[in-house]
Protein backbone atom coordinates (compact mmCIF):
# COMPACT_ATOMS: atom_id res chain seq x y z
CA UNK A 1 3.78 6.42 33.20
CA UNK A 2 4.30 10.35 33.73
CA UNK A 3 1.22 10.32 35.98
CA UNK A 4 2.43 7.34 37.94
CA UNK A 5 5.80 8.89 38.50
CA UNK A 6 4.17 12.02 39.91
CA UNK A 7 2.17 10.06 42.39
CA UNK A 8 4.94 7.58 43.27
CA UNK A 9 7.41 10.59 43.99
CA UNK A 10 4.81 11.98 46.55
CA UNK A 11 4.57 8.60 48.15
CA UNK A 12 8.21 8.16 48.53
CA UNK A 13 8.64 11.55 50.00
CA UNK A 14 5.85 10.88 52.66
CA UNK A 15 7.80 7.79 53.68
CA UNK A 16 11.45 7.66 52.66
CA UNK A 17 12.00 4.49 54.47
CA UNK A 18 9.33 2.46 52.61
CA UNK A 19 11.32 0.21 50.17
CA UNK A 20 8.21 -0.42 48.10
CA UNK A 21 7.74 3.29 47.50
CA UNK A 22 11.41 3.68 46.62
CA UNK A 23 11.44 0.70 44.25
CA UNK A 24 8.16 1.77 42.32
CA UNK A 25 9.39 5.13 41.95
CA UNK A 26 12.73 3.96 40.39
CA UNK A 27 10.87 1.57 38.01
CA UNK A 28 8.56 4.37 37.01
CA UNK A 29 11.55 6.62 36.27
CA UNK A 30 13.01 3.95 34.17
CA UNK A 31 9.76 3.59 32.37
CA UNK A 32 9.33 7.19 31.59
CA UNK A 33 13.03 7.16 30.37
CA UNK A 34 12.44 4.13 28.11
CA UNK A 35 9.46 6.17 26.36
CA UNK A 36 11.36 9.29 25.96
CA UNK A 37 11.76 10.61 22.37
CA UNK A 38 15.11 12.33 23.46
CA UNK A 39 17.83 9.80 23.42
CA UNK A 40 19.86 11.72 25.93
CA UNK A 41 16.81 12.04 28.36
CA UNK A 42 15.98 8.21 27.84
CA UNK A 43 19.34 7.05 28.86
CA UNK A 44 19.34 9.49 31.74
CA UNK A 45 16.21 8.59 33.30
CA UNK A 46 16.66 4.92 32.81
CA UNK A 47 20.01 5.04 34.66
CA UNK A 48 18.67 7.19 37.37
CA UNK A 49 15.87 4.64 37.96
CA UNK A 50 18.21 1.78 37.90
CA UNK A 51 20.42 3.46 40.51
CA UNK A 52 17.41 3.86 42.94
CA UNK A 53 16.44 0.23 42.39
CA UNK A 54 20.02 -0.99 42.96
CA UNK A 55 20.27 1.23 45.87
CA UNK A 56 17.10 -0.09 47.47
CA UNK A 57 17.67 -3.76 46.52
CA UNK A 58 21.12 -3.40 48.44
CA UNK A 59 19.35 -2.05 51.49
CA UNK A 60 16.35 -4.42 51.38
CA UNK A 61 17.70 -7.36 49.60
CA UNK A 62 15.22 -9.91 51.18
CA UNK A 63 12.18 -7.86 50.03
CA UNK A 64 10.34 -9.86 47.41
CA UNK A 65 8.54 -6.98 45.83
CA UNK A 66 11.60 -4.94 45.41
CA UNK A 67 13.29 -7.77 43.79
CA UNK A 68 10.48 -8.36 41.53
CA UNK A 69 10.46 -4.89 40.41
CA UNK A 70 14.04 -4.64 39.80
CA UNK A 71 14.17 -8.17 38.12
CA UNK A 72 11.37 -7.02 35.39
CA UNK A 73 12.79 -3.54 34.79
CA UNK A 74 16.22 -5.07 33.90
CA UNK A 75 14.51 -7.86 31.85
CA UNK A 76 12.84 -5.51 29.62
CA UNK A 77 15.80 -3.22 28.95
CA UNK A 78 17.73 -3.87 25.66
CA UNK A 79 20.76 -5.73 26.59
CA UNK A 80 22.82 -4.10 23.78
CA UNK A 81 22.51 -0.66 25.52
CA UNK A 82 22.33 -1.36 29.18
CA UNK A 83 23.96 -4.79 29.86
CA UNK A 84 21.49 -5.54 32.89
CA UNK A 85 20.33 -9.04 31.92
CA UNK A 86 22.79 -10.55 34.43
CA UNK A 87 21.21 -8.34 37.24
CA UNK A 88 17.68 -9.83 36.13
CA UNK A 89 19.10 -13.40 36.33
CA UNK A 90 20.28 -12.86 39.87
CA UNK A 91 16.86 -11.44 41.05
CA UNK A 92 14.93 -14.26 39.13
CA UNK A 93 17.15 -16.87 40.93
CA UNK A 94 16.65 -15.20 44.22
CA UNK A 95 12.80 -15.28 43.74
CA UNK A 96 12.63 -18.85 42.50
CA UNK A 97 14.66 -19.86 45.53
CA UNK A 98 12.57 -18.05 47.96
CA UNK A 99 9.39 -19.83 46.37
CA UNK A 100 10.88 -23.21 46.63
CA UNK A 101 11.68 -22.57 50.27
CA UNK A 102 8.11 -21.03 50.92
CA UNK A 103 5.52 -21.50 48.37
CA UNK A 104 3.24 -18.81 49.96
CA UNK A 105 5.27 -15.81 49.07
CA UNK A 106 3.39 -15.67 45.62
CA UNK A 107 1.54 -17.77 43.22
CA UNK A 108 2.43 -20.97 41.46
CA UNK A 109 1.69 -19.39 38.11
CA UNK A 110 4.12 -16.57 38.83
CA UNK A 111 6.84 -19.03 39.90
CA UNK A 112 6.22 -20.82 36.46
CA UNK A 113 6.54 -17.31 34.71
CA UNK A 114 9.95 -16.52 36.72
CA UNK A 115 11.28 -19.85 35.37
CA UNK A 116 10.24 -19.29 31.81
CA UNK A 117 11.69 -15.55 31.88
CA UNK A 118 14.92 -16.78 33.49
CA UNK A 119 15.41 -19.22 30.55
CA UNK A 120 14.78 -16.34 28.15
CA UNK A 121 17.25 -14.08 30.14
CA UNK A 122 19.99 -16.78 30.04
CA UNK A 123 19.51 -17.01 26.19
CA UNK A 124 19.64 -13.26 25.84
CA UNK A 125 23.32 -13.45 27.03
CA UNK A 126 24.18 -16.50 25.04
CA UNK A 127 23.91 -19.06 27.99
CA UNK A 128 21.91 -21.89 26.06
CA UNK A 129 22.87 -24.71 28.36
CA UNK A 130 21.56 -22.78 31.38
CA UNK A 131 18.44 -21.70 29.48
CA UNK A 132 17.75 -25.49 28.60
CA UNK A 133 18.21 -26.53 32.17
CA UNK A 134 15.67 -24.15 33.51
CA UNK A 135 13.12 -25.08 30.71
CA UNK A 136 13.56 -28.60 31.72
CA UNK A 137 12.82 -27.65 35.45
CA UNK A 138 9.82 -25.82 34.32
CA UNK A 139 8.50 -28.84 32.48
CA UNK A 140 8.91 -31.17 35.54
CA UNK A 141 7.32 -28.77 37.85
CA UNK A 142 4.27 -28.39 35.35
CA UNK A 143 4.24 -32.11 34.98
CA UNK A 144 3.93 -32.74 38.60
CA UNK A 145 1.33 -30.18 39.01
CA UNK A 146 -0.66 -31.68 36.28
CA UNK A 147 -0.51 -35.33 37.98
CA UNK A 148 -1.56 -33.81 41.32
CA UNK A 149 -5.09 -34.02 42.24
CA UNK A 150 -6.97 -30.57 42.20
CA UNK A 151 -8.04 -31.34 45.73
CA UNK A 152 -4.60 -31.44 46.95
CA UNK A 153 -4.72 -27.56 47.19
CA UNK A 154 -8.06 -27.37 48.38
CA UNK A 155 -9.58 -26.65 44.84
CA UNK A 156 -12.54 -28.18 43.40
CA UNK A 157 -12.64 -29.98 40.12
CA UNK A 158 -14.46 -26.95 38.56
CA UNK A 159 -12.09 -24.40 39.81
CA UNK A 160 -10.97 -22.14 36.81
CA UNK A 161 -8.44 -19.44 36.46
CA UNK A 162 -8.97 -16.35 38.60
CA UNK A 163 -10.39 -13.19 37.22
CA UNK A 164 -6.87 -11.58 37.32
CA UNK A 165 -5.24 -14.55 35.55
CA UNK A 166 -7.95 -14.31 32.66
CA UNK A 167 -7.34 -10.59 32.58
CA UNK A 168 -3.61 -11.03 32.10
CA UNK A 169 -4.17 -13.76 29.69
CA UNK A 170 -6.20 -11.57 27.60
CA UNK A 171 -3.56 -8.54 27.58
CA UNK A 172 -0.72 -10.86 26.94
CA UNK A 173 -2.67 -12.47 23.91
CA UNK A 174 -3.49 -9.09 22.66
CA UNK A 175 0.00 -7.91 22.79
CA UNK A 176 1.22 -11.01 21.07
CA UNK A 177 -1.06 -10.58 18.27
CA UNK A 178 -0.10 -7.03 17.55
CA UNK A 179 3.73 -8.08 17.52
CA UNK A 180 2.56 -10.95 15.21
CA UNK A 181 0.92 -8.64 12.71
CA UNK A 182 4.04 -6.29 12.75
CA UNK A 183 6.27 -9.43 12.19
CA UNK A 184 4.05 -10.38 9.26
CA UNK A 185 4.33 -7.02 7.70
CA UNK A 186 8.22 -7.49 7.60
CA UNK A 187 9.44 -6.39 11.12
CA UNK A 188 11.89 -8.93 12.14
CA UNK A 189 12.52 -7.71 15.60
CA UNK A 190 8.57 -7.80 16.14
CA UNK A 191 8.46 -11.29 15.02
CA UNK A 192 11.08 -12.28 17.46
CA UNK A 193 9.50 -10.53 20.30
CA UNK A 194 6.07 -12.13 19.23
CA UNK A 195 7.62 -15.57 19.68
CA UNK A 196 9.43 -14.88 23.02
CA UNK A 197 6.08 -13.54 24.33
CA UNK A 198 4.09 -16.32 22.99
CA UNK A 199 6.59 -18.79 25.03
CA UNK A 200 5.98 -16.78 28.00
CA UNK A 201 2.13 -16.91 27.75
CA UNK A 202 2.43 -20.83 26.90
CA UNK A 203 4.40 -21.43 30.14
CA UNK A 204 1.47 -19.62 32.10
CA UNK A 205 -1.34 -21.40 30.24
CA UNK A 206 0.03 -24.46 28.83
CA UNK A 207 -3.28 -26.09 28.08
CA UNK A 208 -4.97 -23.09 26.34
CA UNK A 209 -5.77 -23.99 22.81
CA UNK A 210 -5.75 -20.12 21.73
CA UNK A 211 -2.37 -19.80 23.39
CA UNK A 212 -1.05 -22.94 21.62
CA UNK A 213 -2.24 -21.31 18.32
CA UNK A 214 -0.65 -17.85 19.03
CA UNK A 215 2.68 -19.89 19.84
CA UNK A 216 2.28 -22.00 16.61
CA UNK A 217 1.78 -18.88 14.46
CA UNK A 218 4.70 -16.90 15.90
CA UNK A 219 6.96 -20.08 15.63
CA UNK A 220 6.21 -20.52 12.05
CA UNK A 221 6.79 -16.77 11.23
CA UNK A 222 10.45 -17.28 12.64
CA UNK A 223 10.87 -19.47 9.71
CA UNK A 224 10.44 -16.51 7.42
CA UNK A 225 13.53 -14.90 8.79
CA UNK A 226 15.60 -18.25 9.20
CA UNK A 227 18.96 -18.55 7.47
CA UNK A 228 18.17 -21.68 5.51
CA UNK A 229 15.22 -23.29 3.66
CA UNK A 230 15.10 -26.31 5.94
CA UNK A 231 14.57 -24.15 9.05
CA UNK A 232 11.73 -22.34 7.13
CA UNK A 233 9.84 -25.37 6.13
CA UNK A 234 10.29 -27.03 9.52
CA UNK A 235 9.04 -24.01 11.46
CA UNK A 236 6.01 -23.73 9.15
CA UNK A 237 5.14 -27.39 9.26
CA UNK A 238 5.38 -27.38 13.04
CA UNK A 239 3.34 -24.24 13.24
CA UNK A 240 0.59 -25.80 11.10
CA UNK A 241 0.42 -28.80 13.38
CA UNK A 242 0.28 -26.69 16.64
CA UNK A 243 -2.52 -24.67 15.15
CA UNK A 244 -4.55 -27.45 13.68
CA UNK A 245 -4.31 -29.35 17.15
CA UNK A 246 -5.72 -26.13 18.69
CA UNK A 247 -8.73 -25.91 16.26
CA UNK A 248 -9.55 -29.37 16.83
CA UNK A 249 -10.08 -28.53 20.65
CA UNK A 250 -11.92 -25.41 20.12
CA UNK A 251 -13.30 -25.20 16.67
CA UNK A 252 -15.67 -22.30 17.22
CA UNK A 253 -13.23 -19.86 18.87
CA UNK A 254 -13.35 -16.76 16.66
CA UNK A 255 -9.93 -15.34 17.63
CA UNK A 256 -8.53 -18.81 16.99
CA UNK A 257 -10.10 -18.93 13.62
CA UNK A 258 -8.56 -15.43 12.88
CA UNK A 259 -5.09 -16.65 13.82
CA UNK A 260 -5.30 -19.63 11.49
CA UNK A 261 -6.72 -17.59 8.67
CA UNK A 262 -3.73 -15.08 8.90
CA UNK A 263 -1.30 -17.87 9.10
CA UNK A 264 -2.78 -19.91 6.28
CA UNK A 265 -3.06 -16.65 4.02
CA UNK A 266 0.71 -15.52 4.39
CA UNK A 267 2.09 -18.91 3.77
CA UNK A 268 3.35 -19.23 0.05
CA UNK A 269 0.81 -21.41 -1.87
CA UNK A 270 3.37 -23.12 -4.06
CA UNK A 271 4.98 -24.60 -0.95
CA UNK A 272 2.33 -25.11 1.51
CA UNK A 273 -1.04 -25.22 -0.25
CA UNK A 274 -2.95 -23.49 2.75
CA UNK A 275 -5.01 -20.99 0.63
CA UNK A 276 -8.09 -23.50 1.01
CA UNK A 277 -7.70 -23.43 4.79
CA UNK A 278 -7.52 -19.66 4.62
CA UNK A 279 -10.76 -19.53 2.62
CA UNK A 280 -12.51 -21.89 5.05
CA UNK A 281 -11.66 -19.56 8.05
CA UNK A 282 -12.28 -16.25 6.24
CA UNK A 283 -15.69 -17.57 5.02
CA UNK A 284 -16.40 -18.76 8.66
CA UNK A 285 -15.51 -15.35 10.02
CA UNK A 286 -17.45 -13.49 7.31
CA UNK A 287 -20.54 -15.51 8.35
CA UNK A 288 -20.11 -14.75 11.92
CA UNK A 289 -20.09 -11.12 11.17
CA UNK A 290 -23.15 -11.26 8.96
CA UNK A 291 -24.92 -12.98 11.79
CA UNK A 292 -24.29 -10.16 14.08
CA UNK A 293 -21.16 -11.49 16.09
CA UNK A 294 -19.68 -8.74 18.26
CA UNK A 295 -16.19 -10.60 17.94
CA UNK A 296 -15.60 -9.11 14.49
CA UNK A 297 -15.96 -5.45 13.69
CA UNK A 298 -16.55 -3.59 10.49
CA UNK A 299 -12.87 -2.67 9.86
CA UNK A 300 -11.84 -6.39 10.35
CA UNK A 301 -14.80 -7.48 7.92
CA UNK A 302 -13.30 -5.27 5.25
CA UNK A 303 -10.07 -7.02 5.70
CA UNK A 304 -11.78 -10.43 5.63
CA UNK A 305 -13.48 -9.65 2.24
CA UNK A 306 -10.28 -8.36 0.68
CA UNK A 307 -8.14 -11.47 1.61
CA UNK A 308 -11.14 -13.99 0.87
CA UNK A 309 -11.32 -12.50 -2.71
CA UNK A 310 -7.57 -12.57 -3.14
CA UNK A 311 -7.61 -16.21 -1.94
CA UNK A 312 -10.16 -17.19 -4.50
CA UNK A 313 -8.02 -15.31 -7.11
CA UNK A 314 -4.83 -17.25 -6.06
CA UNK A 315 -6.78 -20.51 -6.85
CA UNK A 316 -8.13 -19.09 -10.20
CA UNK A 317 -11.63 -18.86 -8.92
CA UNK A 318 -12.03 -15.43 -10.65
CA UNK A 319 -15.87 -15.55 -10.41
CA UNK A 320 -15.96 -16.07 -6.76
CA UNK A 321 -13.33 -13.43 -6.19
CA UNK A 322 -15.16 -10.84 -8.07
CA UNK A 323 -18.38 -11.65 -6.16
CA UNK A 324 -16.65 -11.12 -2.80
CA UNK A 325 -14.74 -7.97 -4.04
CA UNK A 326 -18.10 -6.42 -5.44
CA UNK A 327 -19.54 -6.76 -1.87
CA UNK A 328 -16.48 -4.91 -0.41
CA UNK A 329 -16.65 -2.14 -3.14
CA UNK A 330 -20.55 -1.60 -2.72
CA UNK A 331 -20.64 -1.61 1.24
CA UNK A 332 -17.47 -0.01 1.87
CA UNK A 333 -16.37 2.28 -1.10
CA UNK A 334 -14.22 4.51 1.34
CA UNK A 335 -12.46 1.53 2.87
CA UNK A 336 -8.60 1.49 2.29
CA UNK A 337 -8.97 -2.11 1.21
CA UNK A 338 -11.58 -0.86 -1.37
CA UNK A 339 -8.94 1.70 -2.57
CA UNK A 340 -6.31 -0.83 -3.18
CA UNK A 341 -8.82 -3.20 -4.98
CA UNK A 342 -10.06 -0.26 -7.27
CA UNK A 343 -6.36 0.51 -8.31
CA UNK A 344 -5.85 -3.41 -8.98
CA UNK A 345 -9.11 -3.76 -10.86
CA UNK A 346 -8.86 -0.64 -12.95
CA UNK A 347 -5.58 -1.34 -14.50
CA UNK A 348 -5.82 0.17 -18.06
CA UNK A 349 -4.60 -3.01 -19.79
CA UNK A 350 -6.88 -5.58 -17.87
CA UNK A 351 -9.55 -5.92 -20.57
CA UNK A 352 -7.05 -6.15 -23.39
CA UNK A 353 -4.93 -9.12 -22.14
CA UNK A 354 -6.72 -11.69 -24.20
CA UNK A 355 -6.64 -9.75 -27.33
CA UNK A 356 -3.25 -7.68 -27.75
CA UNK A 357 -2.80 -5.25 -30.45
CA UNK A 358 -1.41 -6.51 -33.72
CA UNK A 359 2.31 -5.24 -33.25
CA UNK A 360 5.09 -5.83 -35.75
CA UNK A 361 7.75 -3.22 -34.44
CA UNK A 362 9.99 -4.67 -31.92
CA UNK A 363 10.14 -1.50 -29.93
CA UNK A 364 6.31 -1.42 -29.74
CA UNK A 365 6.29 -5.08 -28.79
CA UNK A 366 8.78 -4.28 -26.10
CA UNK A 367 6.70 -1.38 -24.76
CA UNK A 368 3.76 -3.65 -24.66
CA UNK A 369 5.65 -6.40 -22.67
CA UNK A 370 6.98 -3.93 -20.19
CA UNK A 371 3.43 -2.40 -19.84
CA UNK A 372 2.17 -6.12 -18.95
CA UNK A 373 5.03 -6.64 -16.70
CA UNK A 374 4.29 -3.45 -14.71
CA UNK A 375 0.73 -4.61 -14.36
CA UNK A 376 1.77 -8.19 -13.32
CA UNK A 377 3.80 -6.64 -10.52
CA UNK A 378 0.65 -5.32 -9.17
CA UNK A 379 -0.66 -8.62 -8.37
CA UNK A 380 -2.14 -9.60 -11.72
CA UNK A 381 -1.12 -13.23 -12.71
CA UNK A 382 -2.53 -13.05 -16.21
CA UNK A 383 -0.62 -10.13 -16.94
CA UNK A 384 2.55 -11.53 -15.61
CA UNK A 385 2.06 -14.59 -17.81
CA UNK A 386 1.33 -12.56 -20.91
CA UNK A 387 4.38 -10.36 -20.17
CA UNK A 388 6.59 -13.45 -20.08
CA UNK A 389 5.33 -14.47 -23.28
CA UNK A 390 5.67 -11.22 -24.93
CA UNK A 391 9.02 -10.50 -23.61
CA UNK A 392 10.29 -13.94 -24.55
CA UNK A 393 9.44 -13.15 -28.28
CA UNK A 394 11.20 -9.88 -28.12
CA UNK A 395 14.22 -11.48 -26.46
CA UNK A 396 14.40 -13.98 -29.33
CA UNK A 397 14.32 -11.21 -31.89
CA UNK A 398 16.89 -9.13 -30.12
CA UNK A 399 18.86 -11.46 -27.94
CA UNK A 400 21.89 -9.26 -27.30
CA UNK A 401 19.97 -6.23 -25.99
CA UNK A 402 20.66 -6.20 -22.11
CA UNK A 403 17.76 -3.96 -21.46
CA UNK A 404 15.50 -6.66 -23.18
CA UNK A 405 17.38 -9.54 -21.39
CA UNK A 406 16.62 -7.95 -17.99
CA UNK A 407 13.07 -7.40 -18.70
CA UNK A 408 12.44 -10.95 -20.00
CA UNK A 409 14.31 -12.42 -17.06
CA UNK A 410 12.30 -10.27 -14.34
CA UNK A 411 8.98 -11.27 -16.26
CA UNK A 412 10.18 -15.01 -16.24
CA UNK A 413 10.79 -15.00 -12.46
CA UNK A 414 7.48 -12.92 -11.92
CA UNK A 415 5.51 -15.56 -13.74
CA UNK A 416 7.09 -18.12 -11.37
CA UNK A 417 5.70 -16.35 -8.39
CA UNK A 418 2.27 -17.23 -9.32
CA UNK A 419 2.93 -20.89 -9.98
CA UNK A 420 1.01 -23.59 -8.26
CA UNK A 421 4.21 -25.79 -7.85
CA UNK A 422 7.27 -25.02 -6.15
CA UNK A 423 9.64 -26.69 -8.76
CA UNK A 424 8.29 -24.26 -11.38
CA UNK A 425 8.64 -21.27 -9.13
CA UNK A 426 12.29 -22.22 -8.39
CA UNK A 427 13.02 -23.00 -12.06
CA UNK A 428 11.55 -19.57 -13.03
CA UNK A 429 13.38 -17.71 -10.44
CA UNK A 430 16.81 -19.00 -11.02
CA UNK A 431 16.53 -18.77 -14.85
CA UNK A 432 15.06 -15.17 -14.49
CA UNK A 433 17.78 -14.04 -12.17
CA UNK A 434 20.52 -15.29 -14.35
CA UNK A 435 19.18 -13.34 -17.34
CA UNK A 436 19.04 -10.05 -15.20
CA UNK A 437 22.60 -10.65 -14.07
CA UNK A 438 23.71 -11.15 -17.36
CA UNK A 439 22.27 -8.05 -18.49
CA UNK A 440 23.72 -6.16 -15.48
CA UNK A 441 27.34 -7.26 -16.33
CA UNK A 442 26.99 -5.39 -19.60
CA UNK A 443 25.42 -2.42 -18.02
CA UNK A 444 26.20 -2.30 -14.42
CA UNK A 445 25.35 1.49 -13.91
CA UNK A 446 21.91 1.27 -15.57
CA UNK A 447 19.54 2.33 -12.71
CA UNK A 448 16.46 0.73 -14.39
CA UNK A 449 18.37 -2.68 -14.50
CA UNK A 450 19.55 -2.25 -10.92
CA UNK A 451 16.14 -1.69 -9.74
CA UNK A 452 14.62 -4.50 -11.58
CA UNK A 453 17.20 -6.92 -9.97
CA UNK A 454 16.66 -5.28 -6.62
CA UNK A 455 12.93 -5.98 -6.69
CA UNK A 456 13.61 -9.34 -8.04
CA UNK A 457 15.83 -10.20 -5.05
CA UNK A 458 13.57 -8.51 -2.61
CA UNK A 459 10.52 -10.64 -3.58
CA UNK A 460 12.39 -14.02 -3.49
CA UNK A 461 12.05 -15.99 -0.13
CA UNK A 462 15.22 -15.23 1.94
CA UNK A 463 15.69 -18.66 3.51
CA UNK A 464 15.78 -20.25 0.14
CA UNK A 465 17.65 -17.66 -1.86
CA UNK A 466 19.57 -15.45 0.60
CA UNK A 467 19.13 -12.37 -1.80
CA UNK A 468 17.91 -9.63 0.57
CA UNK A 469 21.41 -8.29 1.03
CA UNK A 470 21.78 -7.87 -3.00
CA UNK A 471 18.47 -6.26 -2.85
CA UNK A 472 19.58 -3.79 -0.30
CA UNK A 473 22.83 -3.24 -2.30
CA UNK A 474 20.70 -2.35 -5.63
CA UNK A 475 18.13 -0.58 -3.73
CA UNK A 476 20.87 1.76 -2.13
CA UNK A 477 22.70 2.20 -5.49
CA UNK A 478 19.33 3.40 -6.97
CA UNK A 479 18.86 5.73 -4.15
CA UNK A 480 22.20 7.26 -4.44
CA UNK A 481 21.86 7.64 -8.01
CA UNK A 482 18.34 9.36 -7.82
CA UNK A 483 19.59 11.71 -5.04
CA UNK A 484 22.68 12.74 -7.07
CA UNK A 485 20.84 13.07 -10.42
CA UNK A 486 19.20 16.22 -11.85
CA UNK A 487 15.49 16.32 -11.37
CA UNK A 488 14.68 16.19 -14.77
CA UNK A 489 16.80 12.98 -15.17
CA UNK A 490 15.77 11.33 -12.28
CA UNK A 491 12.15 11.76 -12.70
CA UNK A 492 12.10 10.39 -16.16
CA UNK A 493 12.82 7.20 -14.34
CA UNK A 494 11.17 7.40 -10.94
CA UNK A 495 8.48 9.92 -9.79
CA UNK A 496 8.63 11.10 -6.10
CA UNK A 497 5.84 8.50 -5.08
CA UNK A 498 7.86 5.68 -6.63
CA UNK A 499 10.86 6.90 -5.02
CA UNK A 500 9.17 6.80 -1.63
CA UNK A 501 7.99 3.19 -2.51
CA UNK A 502 11.78 2.41 -3.14
CA UNK A 503 12.94 3.82 0.28
CA UNK A 504 9.90 1.79 2.05
CA UNK A 505 11.17 -1.54 0.30
CA UNK A 506 14.47 -0.52 1.39
CA UNK A 507 13.58 -0.07 5.05
CA UNK A 508 11.55 -3.49 5.03
CA UNK A 509 14.60 -5.38 3.57
CA UNK A 510 16.86 -3.91 6.35
CA UNK A 511 14.29 -5.15 8.97
CA UNK A 512 14.10 -8.48 7.33
CA UNK A 513 17.88 -8.99 8.05
CA UNK A 514 17.28 -7.67 11.61
CA UNK A 515 19.23 -4.36 10.73
CA UNK A 516 16.87 -2.22 12.78
CA UNK A 517 19.33 0.81 13.17
CA UNK A 518 19.67 1.14 9.52
CA UNK A 519 15.86 0.69 9.01
CA UNK A 520 14.86 3.35 11.88
CA UNK A 521 17.25 5.88 10.16
CA UNK A 522 15.60 5.30 6.77
CA UNK A 523 12.02 5.48 8.55
CA UNK A 524 12.85 9.04 9.43
CA UNK A 525 14.22 9.75 5.78
CA UNK A 526 10.88 8.49 4.50
CA UNK A 527 8.80 10.76 6.87
CA UNK A 528 10.98 13.52 5.69
CA UNK A 529 10.47 13.02 2.26
CA UNK A 530 6.67 12.44 2.64
CA UNK A 531 6.64 15.91 4.27
CA UNK A 532 8.68 17.45 1.58
CA UNK A 533 6.46 16.17 -1.09
CA UNK A 534 3.26 17.30 0.69
CA UNK A 535 4.67 20.76 1.05
CA UNK A 536 5.46 20.85 -2.69
């Protein structure tokens, strides 16, 4: 962007009366401002660029390139800061009218893109009726085009997309996949951007199965951030259908199989039973890599092995999981996935689960149950179930102890996470949360109990339980307690690494609810805390 700005500045100085040179320079200036780290510089350069674009558009309002440039600069700017979407709408409408008067001004594909982006722009400023009307217009013109004979435009039946169209398709799909991955990691804003971009690509390539799968996966992901359970299920089911339809049309497309694998892997097994589908695709991709496919690199293969073993573990196929994970550990001992796996497999209690010590003292039994619970939290279903059994016994022996009640409730809810049925998961979650809330009513200022409830609420599906706000409340309370307590007192409860984990969870919770300003501020705190920890 900086290099472009330099050359475009020279171009406009060489020919000050060239509207394209002025418009491109204004666009580049806005782009450099958008990417600036300094917020003051960011706003200043964006506004300078917009001023140049507006001045050029006022002088050369009939220039199609000028209006295209101004339309897309305004379209990409955050509405909450710059309020320029209405200007983008005016330019989109001008360009659409020009094409409908003269279809040689630009391509039909770009005309479709303009309609799609106009609908999105209307929706950005809350004009849903206008957005729907434009989308209906887009469907009509695409339908007419599909019914038209290929020879009508002088094309042969074998004519395919141009090289430029294919390059644009590839670039858009790669961007969509990156946003989708960020959304899967908990970034709500990225998930919403992935969906909007997928809609845009779908309007440009409506018959492309890979595009349909990307759209289906991003549509499904929006369900995770929905405000109600019905929307969550509806989005997921519709996404599954879209992806399955795409697979039927192109079953050997490696990238398409990657999309379905990740989509199936992220869906809760108790509700959607997609782990078997994930295994099918991950096995296919692993076989492709072993056969020398250039479409899967070593880093992707390590992730495939990790997830494949995890899928087998979810279904109770521990021998198959161990076989896959052994390959990961032996071939890639320094892989980050191997590091996570070693930590999981080397839990100190893993070999003792089936033969716990003979404990008679209640406090010893409680310590044992808490140890099992902590291991269960680290993705060990057997430890979670053993913790539930152990802590239930302790709770029966000492039913009025709020500390025991909270741990038993947390263990009960945790065991439900690994259930194969949604009914059991719901029952365990509701009963467990009731026990933890009961304990906190007795000891509302106990940081350990607040943290237990925070993580319990954090791990329950938001569209079904609506408890992320409660998780934020508890995490923030624990954070404030930690920062205001003496070092000796706080580190008996949380060590510095665990405190950073708490902050990361709080950041993710904020993003889950779309509170990006709070999340961004917390991200800076996390980096500062990591730096301080490294220096010490």
